[in-house]
C-alpha atoms as a PDB file:
ATOM      1  CA  MET A   1     108.499 119.303-187.068  1.00  0.00           C
ATOM      2  CA  VAL A   2     109.456 120.949-183.771  1.00  0.00           C
ATOM      3  CA  VAL A   3     110.862 118.667-181.080  1.00  0.00           C
ATOM      4  CA  ARG A   4     110.184 119.891-177.573  1.00  0.00           C
ATOM      5  CA  ARG A   5     112.469 118.855-174.779  1.00  0.00           C
ATOM      6  CA  ALA A   6     111.137 118.536-171.283  1.00  0.00           C
ATOM      7  CA  PRO A   7     112.407 121.364-169.059  1.00  0.00           C
ATOM      8  CA  PHE A   8     114.522 118.975-166.989  1.00  0.00           C
ATOM      9  CA  ALA A   9     115.672 116.636-169.783  1.00  0.00           C
ATOM     10  CA  ARG A  10     119.317 117.586-169.201  1.00  0.00           C
ATOM     11  CA  TYR A  11     119.257 115.505-166.012  1.00  0.00           C
ATOM     12  CA  SER A  12     117.943 112.401-167.823  1.00  0.00           C
ATOM     13  CA  GLY A  13     120.188 109.378-168.022  1.00  0.00           C
ATOM     14  CA  ARG A  14     121.564 106.363-166.226  1.00  0.00           C
ATOM     15  CA  TYR A  15     123.466 106.951-162.997  1.00  0.00           C
ATOM     16  CA  ASP A  16     125.619 104.399-161.211  1.00  0.00           C
ATOM     17  CA  ASN A  17     127.333 103.863-157.874  1.00  0.00           C
ATOM     18  CA  TRP A  18     129.303 100.672-157.283  1.00  0.00           C
ATOM     19  CA  LEU A  19     127.716 100.267-153.854  1.00  0.00           C
ATOM     20  CA  ALA A  20     124.236 101.786-154.219  1.00  0.00           C
ATOM     21  CA  GLY A  21     123.547 100.318-157.653  1.00  0.00           C
ATOM     22  CA  GLU A  22     121.960 101.904-160.684  1.00  0.00           C
ATOM     23  CA  ALA A  23     119.180 104.424-161.234  1.00  0.00           C
ATOM     24  CA  HIS A  24     117.521 105.902-164.289  1.00  0.00           C
ATOM     25  CA  VAL A  25     116.348 109.529-164.225  1.00  0.00           C
ATOM     26  CA  PHE A  26     113.787 110.902-166.674  1.00  0.00           C
ATOM     27  CA  PRO A  27     111.209 113.718-166.985  1.00  0.00           C
ATOM     28  CA  TRP A  28     107.928 113.029-165.165  1.00  0.00           C
ATOM     29  CA  ASP A  29     104.962 115.417-164.902  1.00  0.00           C
ATOM     30  CA  ASP A  30     106.410 118.813-163.902  1.00  0.00           C
ATOM     31  CA  GLY A  31     109.632 117.377-162.476  1.00  0.00           C
ATOM     32  CA  LEU A  32     111.678 114.203-162.682  1.00  0.00           C
ATOM     33  CA  ALA A  33     111.424 110.563-161.727  1.00  0.00           C
ATOM     34  CA  LEU A  34     114.197 108.365-160.395  1.00  0.00           C
ATOM     35  CA  LEU A  35     113.876 104.608-160.876  1.00  0.00           C
ATOM     36  CA  PRO A  36     116.276 102.323-158.992  1.00  0.00           C
ATOM     37  CA  ILE A  37     117.275  99.310-161.103  1.00  0.00           C
ATOM     38  CA  PRO A  38     116.698  96.418-160.761  1.00  0.00           C
ATOM     39  CA  SER A  39     113.205  96.539-159.335  1.00  0.00           C
ATOM     40  CA  GLU A  40     110.554  93.832-159.220  1.00  0.00           C
ATOM     41  CA  LYS A  41     107.806  96.458-158.877  1.00  0.00           C
ATOM     42  CA  PRO A  42     108.968  99.548-160.810  1.00  0.00           C
ATOM     43  CA  LEU A  43     105.857 101.658-160.172  1.00  0.00           C
ATOM     44  CA  GLU A  44     106.265 101.167-156.423  1.00  0.00           C
ATOM     45  CA  ALA A  45     110.007 101.890-156.601  1.00  0.00           C
ATOM     46  CA  LEU A  46     109.554 105.055-158.686  1.00  0.00           C
ATOM     47  CA  VAL A  47     110.711 108.185-156.839  1.00  0.00           C
ATOM     48  CA  LYS A  48     109.011 111.405-157.973  1.00  0.00           C
ATOM     49  CA  LEU A  49     111.081 114.593-157.764  1.00  0.00           C
ATOM     50  CA  LYS A  50     109.922 118.204-157.787  1.00  0.00           C
ATOM     51  CA  PRO A  51     112.245 121.147-158.459  1.00  0.00           C
ATOM     52  CA  SER A  52     113.369 123.089-155.377  1.00  0.00           C
ATOM     53  CA  GLY A  53     116.228 125.241-156.677  1.00  0.00           C
ATOM     54  CA  GLU A  54     118.995 125.343-159.236  1.00  0.00           C
ATOM     55  CA  HIS A  55     119.947 121.712-160.014  1.00  0.00           C
ATOM     56  CA  ARG A  56     118.050 120.657-156.873  1.00  0.00           C
ATOM     57  CA  PHE A  57     114.930 118.567-156.423  1.00  0.00           C
ATOM     58  CA  ARG A  58     112.992 117.174-153.476  1.00  0.00           C
ATOM     59  CA  ARG A  59     111.564 113.681-153.300  1.00  0.00           C
ATOM     60  CA  ILE A  60     107.780 113.701-152.990  1.00  0.00           C
ATOM     61  CA  ARG A  61     106.758 111.361-150.187  1.00  0.00           C
ATOM     62  CA  ASP A  62     103.641 109.188-150.299  1.00  0.00           C
ATOM     63  CA  ASP A  63     101.781 111.810-148.222  1.00  0.00           C
ATOM     64  CA  GLY A  64     102.612 114.509-150.809  1.00  0.00           C
ATOM     65  CA  GLU A  65     105.099 116.321-148.572  1.00  0.00           C
ATOM     66  CA  PRO A  66     108.665 117.075-149.693  1.00  0.00           C
ATOM     67  CA  GLY A  67     111.327 114.603-148.601  1.00  0.00           C
ATOM     68  CA  GLU A  68     115.097 114.566-148.925  1.00  0.00           C
ATOM     69  CA  GLU A  69     116.981 116.677-151.417  1.00  0.00           C
ATOM     70  CA  ILE A  70     118.448 115.295-154.638  1.00  0.00           C
ATOM     71  CA  ARG A  71     121.194 117.476-156.095  1.00  0.00           C
ATOM     72  CA  PHE A  72     122.734 117.307-159.570  1.00  0.00           C
ATOM     73  CA  GLU A  73     126.249 118.426-160.444  1.00  0.00           C
ATOM     74  CA  VAL A  74     126.590 119.894-163.918  1.00  0.00           C
ATOM     75  CA  ASP A  75     129.651 120.536-166.067  1.00  0.00           C
ATOM     76  CA  ALA A  76     130.581 123.797-167.808  1.00  0.00           C
ATOM     77  CA  ALA A  77     128.261 122.911-170.711  1.00  0.00           C
ATOM     78  CA  GLY A  78     125.312 122.495-168.324  1.00  0.00           C
ATOM     79  CA  ARG A  79     125.192 118.701-168.693  1.00  0.00           C
ATOM     80  CA  SER A  80     124.471 116.652-165.592  1.00  0.00           C
ATOM     81  CA  VAL A  81     127.465 114.539-164.551  1.00  0.00           C
ATOM     82  CA  ARG A  82     126.562 113.402-161.029  1.00  0.00           C
ATOM     83  CA  LEU A  83     123.547 112.940-158.772  1.00  0.00           C
ATOM     84  CA  TRP A  84     123.746 113.285-154.975  1.00  0.00           C
ATOM     85  CA  ARG A  85     121.257 111.567-152.634  1.00  0.00           C
ATOM     86  CA  PHE A  86     121.796 110.978-148.898  1.00  0.00           C
ATOM     87  CA  SER A  87     125.405 112.237-149.269  1.00  0.00           C
ATOM     88  CA  ASN A  88     126.034 109.458-151.803  1.00  0.00           C
ATOM     89  CA  ALA A  89     127.139 110.313-155.325  1.00  0.00           C
ATOM     90  CA  MET A  90     125.957 108.477-158.416  1.00  0.00           C
ATOM     91  CA  THR A  91     127.915 109.174-161.603  1.00  0.00           C
ATOM     92  CA  ARG A  92     126.084 109.598-164.879  1.00  0.00           C
ATOM     93  CA  VAL A  93     127.232 106.764-167.106  1.00  0.00           C
ATOM     94  CA  ALA A  94     124.806 106.962-170.044  1.00  0.00           C
ATOM     95  CA  ASP A  95     122.477 109.361-171.795  1.00  0.00           C
ATOM     96  CA  PRO A  96     118.821 108.414-172.276  1.00  0.00           C
ATOM     97  CA  LEU A  97     117.838 106.545-175.403  1.00  0.00           C
ATOM     98  CA  PRO A  98     116.617 108.886-178.174  1.00  0.00           C
ATOM     99  CA  ALA A  99     112.841 109.140-178.638  1.00  0.00           C
ATOM    100  CA  LYS A 100     111.427 107.441-181.718  1.00  0.00           C
END
């Protein structure tokens, strides 16, 4: 069996900032999704991200236009260690759960 990884799976995981809270990042369509936690209405809180450059994504606004930039810092092994949004850093604190 061949396991295919989504093109942006390396950015998947749980990110945390003591002030801004927690967010989960995971592959979504042809980009990523960012889900702030906790959320009473997760589908409304879901932030869709489209690639815009190396380790960079743009939020897709409700009108379909690109919004602010989300940037990922990666280590020497290419693993995401930090997410930047609105000049605020969120540190990756956990990998995603393995698929079953």
